[in-house]
Amino acid sequence: MLDEDKEEESKPVSNYTIMLPNAGPMLTVFSKDLYFLNMAYDTANMSIISFQHGAVLVYKRDVISTGYNSICKLRDTTNDRMASCHAEAMAVINAIMKMGNKIHSRNLSLYVTRRTKSGKFGESSPCTHCTEIMQKYKIGTLVYTTHTGDVIKKKLKDYVPRKGARVTIRNRYTWNSNK
């Protein structure tokens, strides 16, 4: 559990508060956000995939679940295919497995980051499908890192997903949490 008093939480971490052109409304990044991003970074270390991503799902100040990208086997009787399961989706799936459908809350925040090969924060903006999963379970706030290591914090309703990777967990996948 994060041990901060309210006075410290009210002070923004100014060097992490950024504004990007065409990024829409931004929120202020606080020290607790960096705490949970560092937790997501540590979680990413469990991934065996070369692009290591980690995610932490938080309710107020309590960690509900974590997730990291992994390899999933597709449920397909005609052939064995593998796909990447994204960290954001795994954090939500793990929360559902732990709490059932009680996770619907606008007070949930999802922290996502990528651990680069050089050990720095990397691009971790969620894809379209992960954004749809977050919307379905009513995640309120999204905090993620960019390719420059900057931190973006937005209300999910203001987030526009990046184009590109869409392969992630759906009902036809099985999940393997083993390395």
C-alpha atoms as a PDB file:
ATOM      1  CA  MET A   1       0.000   0.000   0.000  1.00  0.00           C
ATOM      2  CA  LEU A   2       1.265   3.447  -0.865  1.00  0.00           C
ATOM      3  CA  ASP A   3       1.887   5.537   2.222  1.00  0.00           C
ATOM      4  CA  GLU A   4       1.357   9.198   1.287  1.00  0.00           C
ATOM      5  CA  ASP A   5      -0.430  11.933   3.112  1.00  0.00           C
ATOM      6  CA  LYS A   6      -2.958  14.115   1.317  1.00  0.00           C
ATOM      7  CA  GLU A   7      -0.662  17.142   1.283  1.00  0.00           C
ATOM      8  CA  GLU A   8       2.025  15.273  -0.660  1.00  0.00           C
ATOM      9  CA  GLU A   9      -0.526  13.850  -3.073  1.00  0.00           C
ATOM     10  CA  SER A  10      -1.793  17.336  -3.888  1.00  0.00           C
ATOM     11  CA  LYS A  11       1.653  18.386  -5.146  1.00  0.00           C
ATOM     12  CA  PRO A  12       2.083  17.541  -8.826  1.00  0.00           C
ATOM     13  CA  VAL A  13       5.320  16.125 -10.143  1.00  0.00           C
ATOM     14  CA  SER A  14       5.808  19.053 -12.479  1.00  0.00           C
ATOM     15  CA  ASN A  15       8.562  17.600 -14.659  1.00  0.00           C
ATOM     16  CA  TYR A  16       6.210  14.739 -15.594  1.00  0.00           C
ATOM     17  CA  THR A  17       3.205  16.920 -16.399  1.00  0.00           C
ATOM     18  CA  ILE A  18       3.351  17.251 -20.153  1.00  0.00           C
ATOM     19  CA  MET A  19       1.209  18.661 -22.902  1.00  0.00           C
ATOM     20  CA  LEU A  20       1.402  17.218 -26.374  1.00  0.00           C
ATOM     21  CA  PRO A  21      -0.110  18.755 -29.510  1.00  0.00           C
ATOM     22  CA  ASN A  22      -3.479  17.184 -30.353  1.00  0.00           C
ATOM     23  CA  ALA A  23      -3.348  15.052 -27.193  1.00  0.00           C
ATOM     24  CA  GLY A  24      -6.625  16.331 -25.791  1.00  0.00           C
ATOM     25  CA  PRO A  25      -7.253  17.081 -22.116  1.00  0.00           C
ATOM     26  CA  MET A  26      -4.410  16.000 -19.843  1.00  0.00           C
ATOM     27  CA  LEU A  27      -4.401  15.355 -16.105  1.00  0.00           C
ATOM     28  CA  THR A  28      -1.679  16.171 -13.599  1.00  0.00           C
ATOM     29  CA  VAL A  29       0.733  13.356 -12.743  1.00  0.00           C
ATOM     30  CA  PHE A  30       1.296  12.874  -8.998  1.00  0.00           C
ATOM     31  CA  SER A  31       3.967  10.943  -7.113  1.00  0.00           C
ATOM     32  CA  LYS A  32       1.494   8.090  -6.515  1.00  0.00           C
ATOM     33  CA  ASP A  33       1.156   7.747 -10.291  1.00  0.00           C
ATOM     34  CA  LEU A  34       4.913   7.295 -10.589  1.00  0.00           C
ATOM     35  CA  TYR A  35       4.789   4.734  -7.780  1.00  0.00           C
ATOM     36  CA  PHE A  36       2.276   2.614  -9.703  1.00  0.00           C
ATOM     37  CA  LEU A  37       4.116   3.114 -13.014  1.00  0.00           C
ATOM     38  CA  ASN A  38       7.260   1.781 -11.349  1.00  0.00           C
ATOM     39  CA  MET A  39       5.231  -1.208 -10.153  1.00  0.00           C
ATOM     40  CA  ALA A  40       4.054  -1.772 -13.739  1.00  0.00           C
ATOM     41  CA  TYR A  41       7.683  -1.495 -14.885  1.00  0.00           C
ATOM     42  CA  ASP A  42       8.691  -4.198 -12.385  1.00  0.00           C
ATOM     43  CA  THR A  43       5.773  -6.363 -13.539  1.00  0.00           C
ATOM     44  CA  ALA A  44       6.954  -6.028 -17.158  1.00  0.00           C
ATOM     45  CA  ASN A  45      10.158  -7.789 -16.138  1.00  0.00           C
ATOM     46  CA  MET A  46       8.158 -11.040 -15.855  1.00  0.00           C
ATOM     47  CA  SER A  47       7.408 -11.031 -19.590  1.00  0.00           C
ATOM     48  CA  ILE A  48       9.432 -13.298 -21.851  1.00  0.00           C
ATOM     49  CA  ILE A  49       8.495 -11.281 -24.943  1.00  0.00           C
ATOM     50  CA  SER A  50      11.128  -8.887 -26.314  1.00  0.00           C
ATOM     51  CA  PHE A  51       8.791  -5.873 -25.940  1.00  0.00           C
ATOM     52  CA  GLN A  52       8.120  -6.183 -22.200  1.00  0.00           C
ATOM     53  CA  HIS A  53       4.961  -4.411 -21.049  1.00  0.00           C
ATOM     54  CA  GLY A  54       3.480  -4.334 -17.561  1.00  0.00           C
ATOM     55  CA  ALA A  55       0.177  -3.049 -16.206  1.00  0.00           C
ATOM     56  CA  VAL A  56      -1.240  -2.359 -12.758  1.00  0.00           C
ATOM     57  CA  LEU A  57      -4.959  -1.918 -12.107  1.00  0.00           C
ATOM     58  CA  VAL A  58      -5.616   0.285  -9.071  1.00  0.00           C
ATOM     59  CA  TYR A  59      -8.748   1.184  -7.093  1.00  0.00           C
ATOM     60  CA  LYS A  60      -8.017   4.438  -5.260  1.00  0.00           C
ATOM     61  CA  ARG A  61      -4.685   3.381  -3.672  1.00  0.00           C
ATOM     62  CA  ASP A  62      -5.142  -0.388  -3.651  1.00  0.00           C
ATOM     63  CA  VAL A  63      -3.644  -2.634  -6.308  1.00  0.00           C
ATOM     64  CA  ILE A  64      -6.411  -4.847  -7.672  1.00  0.00           C
ATOM     65  CA  SER A  65      -4.311  -6.810 -10.163  1.00  0.00           C
ATOM     66  CA  THR A  66      -1.270  -6.764 -12.384  1.00  0.00           C
ATOM     67  CA  GLY A  67      -0.559  -8.101 -15.846  1.00  0.00           C
ATOM     68  CA  TYR A  68       2.263  -8.441 -18.327  1.00  0.00           C
ATOM     69  CA  ASN A  69       2.342  -9.352 -21.977  1.00  0.00           C
ATOM     70  CA  SER A  70       2.722 -13.051 -22.637  1.00  0.00           C
ATOM     71  CA  ILE A  71       2.184 -15.680 -25.289  1.00  0.00           C
ATOM     72  CA  CYS A  72      -1.317 -17.107 -25.640  1.00  0.00           C
ATOM     73  CA  LYS A  73      -2.353 -20.190 -27.516  1.00  0.00           C
ATOM     74  CA  LEU A  74      -5.337 -19.660 -29.809  1.00  0.00           C
ATOM     75  CA  ARG A  75      -8.209 -22.069 -29.307  1.00  0.00           C
ATOM     76  CA  ASP A  76      -8.312 -23.337 -32.835  1.00  0.00           C
ATOM     77  CA  THR A  77      -8.843 -27.015 -33.604  1.00  0.00           C
ATOM     78  CA  THR A  78      -7.386 -26.771 -37.105  1.00  0.00           C
ATOM     79  CA  ASN A  79      -3.902 -25.550 -36.150  1.00  0.00           C
ATOM     80  CA  ASP A  80      -1.803 -24.365 -33.228  1.00  0.00           C
ATOM     81  CA  ARG A  81      -1.322 -20.614 -33.421  1.00  0.00           C
ATOM     82  CA  MET A  82       0.187 -18.286 -30.859  1.00  0.00           C
ATOM     83  CA  ALA A  83      -0.551 -14.634 -30.182  1.00  0.00           C
ATOM     84  CA  SER A  84       0.590 -11.902 -27.840  1.00  0.00           C
ATOM     85  CA  CYS A  85      -1.681 -11.204 -24.881  1.00  0.00           C
ATOM     86  CA  HIS A  86      -1.324  -7.562 -23.929  1.00  0.00           C
ATOM     87  CA  ALA A  87      -0.506  -6.456 -20.387  1.00  0.00           C
ATOM     88  CA  GLU A  88      -3.544  -4.170 -20.100  1.00  0.00           C
ATOM     89  CA  ALA A  89      -5.921  -6.971 -21.029  1.00  0.00           C
ATOM     90  CA  MET A  90      -4.168  -9.397 -18.670  1.00  0.00           C
ATOM     91  CA  ALA A  91      -4.521  -6.951 -15.753  1.00  0.00           C
ATOM     92  CA  VAL A  92      -8.272  -6.681 -16.407  1.00  0.00           C
ATOM     93  CA  ILE A  93      -8.623 -10.472 -16.884  1.00  0.00           C
ATOM     94  CA  ASN A  94      -6.720 -11.098 -13.635  1.00  0.00           C
ATOM     95  CA  ALA A  95      -9.023  -8.655 -11.822  1.00  0.00           C
ATOM     96  CA  ILE A  96     -12.097 -10.436 -13.196  1.00  0.00           C
ATOM     97  CA  MET A  97     -10.696 -13.800 -12.100  1.00  0.00           C
ATOM     98  CA  LYS A  98     -10.096 -12.353  -8.627  1.00  0.00           C
ATOM     99  CA  MET A  99     -13.248 -10.251  -8.168  1.00  0.00           C
ATOM    100  CA  GLY A 100     -15.763 -11.297 -10.783  1.00  0.00           C
ATOM    101  CA  ASN A 101     -17.723  -8.514 -12.448  1.00  0.00           C
ATOM    102  CA  LYS A 102     -17.366  -6.265  -9.386  1.00  0.00           C
ATOM    103  CA  ILE A 103     -14.549  -4.371 -11.096  1.00  0.00           C
ATOM    104  CA  HIS A 104     -16.888  -1.972 -12.949  1.00  0.00           C
ATOM    105  CA  SER A 105     -15.938   1.380 -11.464  1.00  0.00           C
ATOM    106  CA  ARG A 106     -14.942   4.804 -12.734  1.00  0.00           C
ATOM    107  CA  ASN A 107     -12.558   4.951  -9.749  1.00  0.00           C
ATOM    108  CA  LEU A 108     -10.238   2.402 -11.363  1.00  0.00           C
ATOM    109  CA  SER A 109      -6.935   3.545 -12.821  1.00  0.00           C
ATOM    110  CA  LEU A 110      -4.756   1.520 -15.162  1.00  0.00           C
ATOM    111  CA  TYR A 111      -1.003   2.120 -15.266  1.00  0.00           C
ATOM    112  CA  VAL A 112       0.850   0.748 -18.288  1.00  0.00           C
ATOM    113  CA  THR A 113       4.507   0.910 -19.205  1.00  0.00           C
ATOM    114  CA  ARG A 114       7.096  -0.753 -21.371  1.00  0.00           C
ATOM    115  CA  ARG A 115      10.523  -1.794 -20.177  1.00  0.00           C
ATOM    116  CA  THR A 116      13.020  -1.272 -23.014  1.00  0.00           C
ATOM    117  CA  LYS A 117      16.106  -3.419 -23.575  1.00  0.00           C
ATOM    118  CA  SER A 118      18.203  -0.535 -22.248  1.00  0.00           C
ATOM    119  CA  GLY A 119      16.144  -0.570 -19.040  1.00  0.00           C
ATOM    120  CA  LYS A 120      14.213   2.641 -19.653  1.00  0.00           C
ATOM    121  CA  PHE A 121      10.503   3.403 -19.907  1.00  0.00           C
ATOM    122  CA  GLY A 122       9.192   2.977 -23.458  1.00  0.00           C
ATOM    123  CA  GLU A 123       6.051   3.449 -25.577  1.00  0.00           C
ATOM    124  CA  SER A 124       3.052   1.762 -24.003  1.00  0.00           C
ATOM    125  CA  SER A 125      -0.045   3.477 -25.352  1.00  0.00           C
ATOM    126  CA  PRO A 126      -2.835   0.873 -25.412  1.00  0.00           C
ATOM    127  CA  CYS A 127      -4.086  -0.526 -28.710  1.00  0.00           C
ATOM    128  CA  THR A 128      -7.672  -0.325 -29.944  1.00  0.00           C
ATOM    129  CA  HIS A 129      -8.742  -3.690 -28.564  1.00  0.00           C
ATOM    130  CA  CYS A 130      -7.234  -3.083 -25.107  1.00  0.00           C
ATOM    131  CA  THR A 131      -8.993   0.292 -25.075  1.00  0.00           C
ATOM    132  CA  GLU A 132     -12.291  -1.470 -25.826  1.00  0.00           C
ATOM    133  CA  ILE A 133     -11.679  -3.839 -22.899  1.00  0.00           C
ATOM    134  CA  MET A 134     -10.945  -0.887 -20.601  1.00  0.00           C
ATOM    135  CA  GLN A 135     -14.115   0.869 -21.770  1.00  0.00           C
ATOM    136  CA  LYS A 136     -16.196  -2.272 -21.218  1.00  0.00           C
ATOM    137  CA  TYR A 137     -15.024  -2.516 -17.607  1.00  0.00           C
ATOM    138  CA  LYS A 138     -15.304   1.247 -17.093  1.00  0.00           C
ATOM    139  CA  ILE A 139     -11.693   2.050 -16.268  1.00  0.00           C
ATOM    140  CA  GLY A 140     -11.730   5.742 -15.332  1.00  0.00           C
ATOM    141  CA  THR A 141      -8.110   6.872 -15.707  1.00  0.00           C
ATOM    142  CA  LEU A 142      -5.267   5.703 -17.907  1.00  0.00           C
ATOM    143  CA  VAL A 143      -1.601   6.445 -17.179  1.00  0.00           C
ATOM    144  CA  TYR A 144       1.047   5.294 -19.666  1.00  0.00           C
ATOM    145  CA  THR A 145       4.530   6.103 -20.923  1.00  0.00           C
ATOM    146  CA  THR A 146       5.575   7.337 -24.368  1.00  0.00           C
ATOM    147  CA  HIS A 147       8.560   6.420 -26.548  1.00  0.00           C
ATOM    148  CA  THR A 148      10.430   9.379 -25.029  1.00  0.00           C
ATOM    149  CA  GLY A 149       9.743   8.152 -21.487  1.00  0.00           C
ATOM    150  CA  ASP A 150       7.206  10.902 -20.778  1.00  0.00           C
ATOM    151  CA  VAL A 151       4.135  10.078 -18.703  1.00  0.00           C
ATOM    152  CA  ILE A 152       0.619  10.654 -20.048  1.00  0.00           C
ATOM    153  CA  LYS A 153      -2.375  10.664 -17.700  1.00  0.00           C
ATOM    154  CA  LYS A 154      -5.885  10.942 -19.133  1.00  0.00           C
ATOM    155  CA  LYS A 155      -9.457  10.088 -18.418  1.00  0.00           C
ATOM    156  CA  LEU A 156     -10.138   7.025 -20.560  1.00  0.00           C
ATOM    157  CA  LYS A 157     -13.001   8.837 -22.306  1.00  0.00           C
ATOM    158  CA  ASP A 158     -10.420  11.340 -23.638  1.00  0.00           C
ATOM    159  CA  TYR A 159      -7.946   8.704 -24.856  1.00  0.00           C
ATOM    160  CA  VAL A 160      -7.644   7.964 -28.571  1.00  0.00           C
ATOM    161  CA  PRO A 161      -5.968   4.565 -29.094  1.00  0.00           C
ATOM    162  CA  ARG A 162      -2.896   4.198 -31.205  1.00  0.00           C
ATOM    163  CA  LYS A 163      -3.209   2.510 -34.550  1.00  0.00           C
ATOM    164  CA  GLY A 164      -1.436  -0.775 -35.128  1.00  0.00           C
ATOM    165  CA  ALA A 165      -1.354  -3.878 -32.961  1.00  0.00           C
ATOM    166  CA  ARG A 166      -4.785  -5.313 -32.340  1.00  0.00           C
ATOM    167  CA  VAL A 167      -3.990  -8.944 -31.557  1.00  0.00           C
ATOM    168  CA  THR A 168      -4.892  -9.455 -27.926  1.00  0.00           C
ATOM    169  CA  ILE A 169      -7.144 -11.503 -25.695  1.00  0.00           C
ATOM    170  CA  ARG A 170     -10.621 -12.395 -26.838  1.00  0.00           C
ATOM    171  CA  ASN A 171     -12.906 -15.266 -25.913  1.00  0.00           C
ATOM    172  CA  ARG A 172     -11.191 -17.579 -28.376  1.00  0.00           C
ATOM    173  CA  TYR A 173      -7.842 -17.386 -26.575  1.00  0.00           C
ATOM    174  CA  THR A 174      -6.492 -19.351 -23.662  1.00  0.00           C
ATOM    175  CA  TRP A 175      -4.124 -17.675 -21.256  1.00  0.00           C
ATOM    176  CA  ASN A 176      -0.811 -19.025 -20.072  1.00  0.00           C
ATOM    177  CA  SER A 177       0.641 -17.230 -17.071  1.00  0.00           C
ATOM    178  CA  ASN A 178       3.722 -19.445 -17.055  1.00  0.00           C
ATOM    179  CA  LYS A 179       6.924 -18.170 -18.597  1.00  0.00           C
END
